Amino acid sequence: MTVIGEQQQERLRAALIAAFGSAETDNIAPLPGGASTAFPFRVNRGGNTYVVRLEGERSPLRNPHQYAAMAMAAEAGLAPHLYHADDGLGVAVMDFIDEKPLATYPGGSAGLAQGVGGLIDSLQSSPVFPRFLDYTDMVGRLWAYVCGTGLFAGGVLDKVTARLARVRKAFDAGSARSIASHNDLLPRNLLFDGTRLWLIDWESAYANDPHIDIATALDNFAPDHGCAELLQQAAGAHWPDRVDPTRLALARALVRLYYAGVLLSAAFAALGPLEDRNLAAPTADAFERGVRLGGMRLDAPETKYMLGKVFLASFMTGAPPPRLSGSQ
């Protein structure tokens, strides 16, 4: 237990007692936390394995409905079984999923795209999550923060801001129908146990437009047109007329700017104001090639900064961005 501070130890202990009646364990080991500030732990107890997730530092844009959404998703069988969740303490105890590589999913890329689409369909068919912010408000607030960091020199981001205003106006003028939405459907938040897929990390989950999860999934699980068709068909199995091509294109633009904002905010936290005057960025293929060849560390702030620029270019041009795995 020396890997975390005393306060986190007490929260972990309280979570175990609330879930199981005692804090006795056979073994506790930290798990990779991905892009989140959370502290997840693998806990072995009585021959069973669990995950205890301790929420990290709370941000001004923290979603207050994440634990309610997690509980609803677990009840619907979309998230691992939940033994205890406490929003006030910021803890959750759930089953551990012994994950297999997504690359081993039956049917390859096409099978995975169809499986992800089916998962989206199941999520959107489940009870609606509580409302938080309109997605355009979330993207707008995050982008306003980036613009105020000093990462870029004055005026450099004006064209991006102007395009956001146009996209936002068009999106807000459309249907306001909301469904249960994960809002962060990336490979790192999807687990394959050898039989089925599970969704994890519900800290961004709240009621949202049905196109947002589909847009995110298309950028991350549909490497070609055929996979995109399969994903969209599976996602709309219960409501085949749900996906509107024009609205989906707007959603994809918003999602790309959202992840640009996430990446650039993370870079700013480490690099500070750069007053950069250059928005030039490599193509998605060139970026992914650089990562594969080992020239860039995905956790390095400089890499996040470059990737944020790639997503900005994708937002402006419509070119596909790199697929996000652990890059945030």
Protein backbone atom coordinates (compact mmCIF):
# COMPACT_ATOMS: atom_id res chain seq x y z
CA MET A 1 0.00 0.00 0.00
CA THR A 2 3.02 2.30 -0.09
CA VAL A 3 2.33 3.28 -3.70
CA ILE A 4 -0.37 5.78 -2.63
CA GLY A 5 -0.72 8.33 0.12
CA GLU A 6 -2.43 7.88 3.46
CA GLN A 7 -5.64 9.58 2.35
CA GLN A 8 -5.96 7.29 -0.68
CA GLN A 9 -5.26 4.27 1.52
CA GLU A 10 -8.14 5.28 3.78
CA ARG A 11 -10.46 5.73 0.81
CA LEU A 12 -9.48 2.31 -0.55
CA ARG A 13 -10.05 0.73 2.84
CA ALA A 14 -13.44 2.42 3.21
CA ALA A 15 -14.47 1.23 -0.25
CA LEU A 16 -13.60 -2.39 0.55
CA ILE A 17 -15.46 -2.28 3.86
CA ALA A 18 -18.54 -0.80 2.19
CA ALA A 19 -18.45 -3.43 -0.57
CA PHE A 20 -17.52 -6.55 1.39
CA GLY A 21 -17.79 -5.80 5.10
CA SER A 22 -14.04 -5.83 5.75
CA ALA A 23 -10.83 -4.46 4.25
CA GLU A 24 -9.03 -7.82 4.27
CA THR A 25 -7.24 -8.64 1.02
CA ASP A 26 -4.78 -11.18 -0.32
CA ASN A 27 -3.02 -8.71 -2.61
CA ILE A 28 -3.37 -5.15 -3.93
CA ALA A 29 -1.58 -3.87 -7.03
CA PRO A 30 -1.95 -0.64 -9.02
CA LEU A 31 -3.38 -0.78 -12.53
CA PRO A 32 -2.53 1.57 -15.42
CA GLY A 33 -4.79 4.61 -15.18
CA GLY A 34 -4.81 5.71 -18.83
CA ALA A 35 -5.60 9.37 -19.42
CA SER A 36 -7.67 9.68 -16.28
CA THR A 37 -6.32 11.10 -13.02
CA ALA A 38 -7.95 8.17 -11.20
CA PHE A 39 -6.06 5.56 -9.17
CA PRO A 40 -7.32 2.06 -10.12
CA PHE A 41 -6.19 -0.97 -8.11
CA ARG A 42 -6.45 -4.69 -8.70
CA VAL A 43 -7.55 -6.37 -5.48
CA ASN A 44 -7.38 -10.13 -4.86
CA ARG A 45 -9.66 -11.30 -2.09
CA GLY A 46 -10.93 -14.76 -1.24
CA GLY A 47 -10.07 -16.21 -4.63
CA ASN A 48 -11.82 -13.42 -6.54
CA THR A 49 -10.38 -10.37 -8.29
CA TYR A 50 -11.84 -6.88 -8.19
CA VAL A 51 -10.99 -3.34 -9.24
CA VAL A 52 -11.13 -0.50 -6.74
CA ARG A 53 -11.11 2.84 -8.52
CA LEU A 54 -10.25 5.98 -6.59
CA GLU A 55 -11.24 9.19 -8.35
CA GLY A 56 -8.42 11.69 -8.82
CA GLU A 57 -8.40 15.46 -8.55
CA ARG A 58 -11.76 16.97 -9.49
CA SER A 59 -11.80 19.49 -12.32
CA PRO A 60 -14.22 22.41 -12.89
CA LEU A 61 -15.86 20.40 -15.70
CA ARG A 62 -16.29 17.27 -13.57
CA ASN A 63 -19.38 15.28 -14.49
CA PRO A 64 -21.52 14.89 -11.32
CA HIS A 65 -23.50 11.98 -12.81
CA GLN A 66 -20.64 9.57 -13.51
CA TYR A 67 -21.40 7.17 -10.65
CA ALA A 68 -25.12 7.09 -11.45
CA ALA A 69 -24.27 6.37 -15.09
CA MET A 70 -21.79 3.65 -14.08
CA ALA A 71 -24.41 1.99 -11.88
CA MET A 72 -27.02 2.13 -14.65
CA ALA A 73 -24.56 0.69 -17.17
CA ALA A 74 -23.62 -2.13 -14.81
CA GLU A 75 -27.30 -2.88 -14.21
CA ALA A 76 -27.77 -3.08 -17.98
CA GLY A 77 -24.84 -5.51 -18.27
CA LEU A 78 -22.69 -3.10 -20.27
CA ALA A 79 -20.15 -2.37 -17.52
CA PRO A 80 -18.53 -4.81 -15.07
CA HIS A 81 -20.63 -5.75 -12.03
CA LEU A 82 -20.57 -2.92 -9.49
CA TYR A 83 -20.35 -3.79 -5.79
CA HIS A 84 -20.15 -0.28 -4.37
CA ALA A 85 -19.96 3.31 -5.61
CA ASP A 86 -19.76 6.50 -3.57
CA ASP A 87 -19.78 9.84 -5.36
CA GLY A 88 -18.90 11.78 -2.21
CA LEU A 89 -15.85 9.68 -1.47
CA GLY A 90 -15.04 9.21 -5.15
CA VAL A 91 -14.69 5.41 -5.07
CA ALA A 92 -16.08 2.43 -6.97
CA VAL A 93 -15.61 -1.32 -6.53
CA MET A 94 -16.29 -3.60 -9.49
CA ASP A 95 -15.38 -6.96 -11.02
CA PHE A 96 -11.96 -7.26 -12.63
CA ILE A 97 -12.12 -8.16 -16.33
CA ASP A 98 -9.25 -10.36 -17.52
CA GLU A 99 -8.91 -8.62 -20.86
CA LYS A 100 -7.64 -10.01 -24.13
CA PRO A 101 -6.23 -7.85 -26.95
CA LEU A 102 -8.92 -6.19 -29.05
CA ALA A 103 -6.98 -7.48 -32.07
CA THR A 104 -8.12 -11.00 -31.12
CA TYR A 105 -11.82 -10.12 -31.38
CA PRO A 106 -13.55 -12.58 -33.76
CA GLY A 107 -13.82 -11.30 -37.31
CA GLY A 108 -10.91 -8.89 -37.14
CA SER A 109 -11.50 -5.17 -37.71
CA ALA A 110 -14.90 -5.77 -39.31
CA GLY A 111 -16.04 -7.98 -36.45
CA LEU A 112 -14.85 -5.46 -33.85
CA ALA A 113 -16.56 -2.57 -35.65
CA GLN A 114 -19.81 -4.54 -35.67
CA GLY A 115 -19.35 -5.49 -32.01
CA VAL A 116 -18.74 -1.89 -30.97
CA GLY A 117 -21.79 -0.80 -32.94
CA GLY A 118 -23.86 -3.42 -31.15
CA LEU A 119 -22.59 -2.18 -27.80
CA ILE A 120 -23.59 1.38 -28.72
CA ASP A 121 -27.05 0.13 -29.73
CA SER A 122 -27.45 -1.63 -26.37
CA LEU A 123 -26.30 1.47 -24.48
CA GLN A 124 -28.62 3.77 -26.40
CA SER A 125 -31.51 1.36 -25.81
CA SER A 126 -30.96 1.42 -22.03
CA PRO A 127 -32.50 3.98 -19.62
CA VAL A 128 -31.38 7.55 -20.29
CA PHE A 129 -28.58 8.88 -18.09
CA PRO A 130 -29.00 12.15 -16.15
CA ARG A 131 -28.33 15.37 -18.07
CA PHE A 132 -25.17 17.42 -17.53
CA LEU A 133 -24.11 19.86 -20.26
CA ASP A 134 -25.00 20.07 -23.90
CA TYR A 135 -22.05 18.56 -25.74
CA THR A 136 -21.49 21.77 -27.67
CA ASP A 137 -21.22 23.62 -24.34
CA MET A 138 -18.64 21.11 -23.12
CA VAL A 139 -16.56 21.49 -26.27
CA GLY A 140 -16.95 25.27 -26.20
CA ARG A 141 -15.80 25.58 -22.60
CA LEU A 142 -12.83 23.31 -23.15
CA TRP A 143 -11.83 25.22 -26.29
CA ALA A 144 -12.16 28.57 -24.52
CA TYR A 145 -9.78 27.25 -21.86
CA VAL A 146 -7.23 26.21 -24.50
CA CYS A 147 -7.47 29.62 -26.16
CA GLY A 148 -6.68 31.29 -22.84
CA THR A 149 -3.63 29.20 -21.95
CA GLY A 150 -1.10 31.03 -24.08
CA LEU A 151 -0.08 27.81 -25.83
CA PHE A 152 -0.60 29.70 -29.08
CA ALA A 153 0.04 33.33 -29.95
CA GLY A 154 -2.89 35.70 -30.25
CA GLY A 155 -4.91 35.26 -33.42
CA VAL A 156 -3.45 31.88 -34.35
CA LEU A 157 -6.58 30.00 -33.26
CA ASP A 158 -9.12 32.46 -34.66
CA LYS A 159 -10.04 30.32 -37.69
CA VAL A 160 -10.58 27.30 -35.44
CA THR A 161 -12.81 29.33 -33.14
CA ALA A 162 -14.80 30.64 -36.10
CA ARG A 163 -15.34 27.13 -37.47
CA LEU A 164 -16.44 25.93 -34.04
CA ALA A 165 -19.06 28.69 -33.94
CA ARG A 166 -20.45 27.56 -37.31
CA VAL A 167 -20.45 23.86 -36.40
CA ARG A 168 -21.98 24.57 -33.01
CA LYS A 169 -24.79 26.68 -34.50
CA ALA A 170 -25.65 23.98 -37.04
CA PHE A 171 -25.54 21.18 -34.47
CA ASP A 172 -27.63 23.06 -31.90
CA ALA A 173 -30.24 23.83 -34.56
CA GLY A 174 -30.88 20.13 -35.10
CA SER A 175 -32.57 17.45 -33.02
CA ALA A 176 -32.08 17.71 -29.28
CA ARG A 177 -32.93 14.05 -28.56
CA SER A 178 -30.80 12.61 -25.75
CA ILE A 179 -29.93 9.02 -24.89
CA ALA A 180 -27.50 7.22 -22.57
CA SER A 181 -24.03 8.10 -23.86
CA HIS A 182 -20.54 7.06 -22.77
CA ASN A 183 -18.94 10.12 -24.42
CA ASP A 184 -15.39 8.70 -24.37
CA LEU A 185 -15.61 5.54 -26.46
CA LEU A 186 -11.92 4.91 -27.05
CA PRO A 187 -10.01 1.61 -27.25
CA ARG A 188 -8.62 2.08 -23.74
CA ASN A 189 -12.19 2.19 -22.39
CA LEU A 190 -13.25 -1.03 -24.10
CA LEU A 191 -12.37 -4.46 -22.70
CA PHE A 192 -12.64 -7.82 -24.47
CA ASP A 193 -12.74 -10.83 -22.14
CA GLY A 194 -12.44 -13.42 -24.91
CA THR A 195 -16.20 -13.70 -25.26
CA ARG A 196 -17.75 -10.24 -25.14
CA LEU A 197 -17.02 -6.50 -24.90
CA TRP A 198 -17.32 -4.33 -21.78
CA LEU A 199 -17.29 -0.56 -21.39
CA ILE A 200 -15.33 1.00 -18.52
CA ASP A 201 -14.42 4.50 -17.26
CA TRP A 202 -17.78 6.26 -17.07
CA GLU A 203 -16.52 9.62 -15.80
CA SER A 204 -17.70 11.39 -18.98
CA ALA A 205 -21.04 9.56 -19.25
CA TYR A 206 -24.28 11.55 -19.28
CA ALA A 207 -27.32 12.06 -21.52
CA ASN A 208 -26.18 13.18 -24.95
CA ASP A 209 -27.04 13.23 -28.64
CA PRO A 210 -26.92 9.68 -30.12
CA HIS A 211 -24.44 10.75 -32.81
CA ILE A 212 -21.60 11.52 -30.36
CA ASP A 213 -20.72 7.94 -29.36
CA ILE A 214 -21.10 6.82 -32.98
CA ALA A 215 -18.80 9.63 -34.15
CA THR A 216 -16.15 8.74 -31.58
CA ALA A 217 -16.37 5.03 -32.41
CA LEU A 218 -16.05 5.64 -36.16
CA ASP A 219 -12.75 7.47 -35.66
CA ASN A 220 -11.38 4.69 -33.45
CA PHE A 221 -12.88 1.38 -34.62
CA ALA A 222 -13.63 1.85 -38.34
CA PRO A 223 -10.37 1.87 -40.33
CA ASP A 224 -12.19 1.68 -43.68
CA HIS A 225 -15.55 2.37 -45.30
CA GLY A 226 -16.74 -1.21 -44.91
CA CYS A 227 -16.10 -1.19 -41.17
CA ALA A 228 -17.83 2.19 -40.88
CA GLU A 229 -20.94 0.79 -42.59
CA LEU A 230 -21.00 -2.23 -40.28
CA LEU A 231 -20.56 -0.09 -37.18
CA GLN A 232 -23.33 2.32 -38.15
CA GLN A 233 -25.74 -0.48 -39.09
CA ALA A 234 -25.14 -2.26 -35.77
CA ALA A 235 -25.43 0.98 -33.79
CA GLY A 236 -28.82 1.68 -35.37
CA ALA A 237 -30.21 -1.85 -35.18
CA HIS A 238 -33.25 -0.79 -33.12
CA TRP A 239 -33.62 2.62 -34.78
CA PRO A 240 -32.31 2.32 -38.37
CA ASP A 241 -33.29 5.94 -39.13
CA ARG A 242 -31.47 7.32 -36.06
CA VAL A 243 -28.24 8.27 -37.81
CA ASP A 244 -28.49 11.46 -39.84
CA PRO A 245 -25.45 11.82 -42.14
CA THR A 246 -25.32 15.62 -41.89
CA ARG A 247 -25.61 15.59 -38.11
CA LEU A 248 -23.06 12.79 -37.86
CA ALA A 249 -20.53 14.87 -39.82
CA LEU A 250 -21.05 17.75 -37.38
CA ALA A 251 -20.70 15.38 -34.43
CA ARG A 252 -17.42 14.03 -35.81
CA ALA A 253 -16.06 17.58 -36.07
CA LEU A 254 -17.09 18.35 -32.47
CA VAL A 255 -15.57 15.12 -31.17
CA ARG A 256 -12.26 15.86 -32.90
CA LEU A 257 -12.07 19.36 -31.42
CA TYR A 258 -12.95 17.93 -28.00
CA TYR A 259 -9.99 15.55 -28.09
CA ALA A 260 -7.77 18.33 -29.44
CA GLY A 261 -8.77 20.31 -26.36
CA VAL A 262 -8.09 17.40 -24.01
CA LEU A 263 -4.64 16.81 -25.49
CA LEU A 264 -3.64 20.47 -25.64
CA SER A 265 -4.83 21.05 -22.07
CA ALA A 266 -2.69 18.14 -20.89
CA ALA A 267 0.28 19.50 -22.83
CA PHE A 268 -0.17 22.97 -21.32
CA ALA A 269 -0.14 21.52 -17.80
CA ALA A 270 3.41 20.29 -18.46
CA LEU A 271 4.79 22.79 -20.96
CA GLY A 272 3.16 26.05 -19.94
CA PRO A 273 2.50 28.93 -22.39
CA LEU A 274 4.46 28.57 -25.63
CA GLU A 275 2.99 31.43 -27.70
CA ASP A 276 3.29 29.13 -30.72
CA ARG A 277 2.54 30.75 -34.08
CA ASN A 278 2.51 27.53 -36.08
CA LEU A 279 -0.43 25.13 -36.41
CA ALA A 280 1.38 22.82 -38.86
CA ALA A 281 0.91 19.16 -37.97
CA PRO A 282 1.87 15.78 -39.45
CA THR A 283 -0.78 13.67 -41.13
CA ALA A 284 -2.47 10.98 -39.08
CA ASP A 285 -0.50 8.30 -40.96
CA ALA A 286 2.80 10.08 -40.34
CA PHE A 287 2.01 10.46 -36.65
CA GLU A 288 1.05 6.80 -36.24
CA ARG A 289 4.18 5.77 -38.15
CA GLY A 290 6.33 7.84 -35.80
CA VAL A 291 4.77 6.13 -32.79
CA ARG A 292 5.21 2.65 -34.29
CA LEU A 293 8.87 3.31 -35.08
CA GLY A 294 9.45 4.28 -31.48
CA GLY A 295 10.45 7.88 -32.07
CA MET A 296 7.67 9.33 -29.91
CA ARG A 297 6.50 8.45 -26.42
CA LEU A 298 2.74 8.73 -26.16
CA ASP A 299 2.89 9.93 -22.57
CA ALA A 300 5.32 12.77 -23.35
CA PRO A 301 3.77 16.26 -23.23
CA GLU A 302 5.48 17.17 -26.51
CA THR A 303 3.76 14.21 -28.18
CA LYS A 304 0.39 15.21 -26.73
CA TYR A 305 0.97 18.73 -28.02
CA MET A 306 1.73 17.45 -31.51
CA LEU A 307 -1.24 15.08 -31.44
CA GLY A 308 -3.46 17.95 -30.32
CA LYS A 309 -2.37 19.83 -33.45
CA VAL A 310 -3.17 16.76 -35.58
CA PHE A 311 -6.69 16.75 -34.14
CA LEU A 312 -7.01 20.48 -34.82
CA ALA A 313 -6.10 19.82 -38.45
CA SER A 314 -8.66 17.02 -38.57
CA PHE A 315 -11.33 19.36 -37.18
CA MET A 316 -10.51 21.99 -39.80
CA THR A 317 -10.15 19.71 -42.84
CA GLY A 318 -12.28 16.66 -42.10
CA ALA A 319 -9.31 14.32 -42.58
CA PRO A 320 -9.43 11.25 -40.29
CA PRO A 321 -7.39 11.67 -37.09
CA PRO A 322 -5.14 8.98 -35.59
CA ARG A 323 -6.95 6.32 -33.61
CA LEU A 324 -6.57 6.96 -29.89
CA SER A 325 -5.42 4.10 -27.69
CA GLY A 326 -3.33 5.28 -24.77
CA SER A 327 -2.22 8.56 -26.29
CA GLN A 328 -4.05 10.85 -23.97
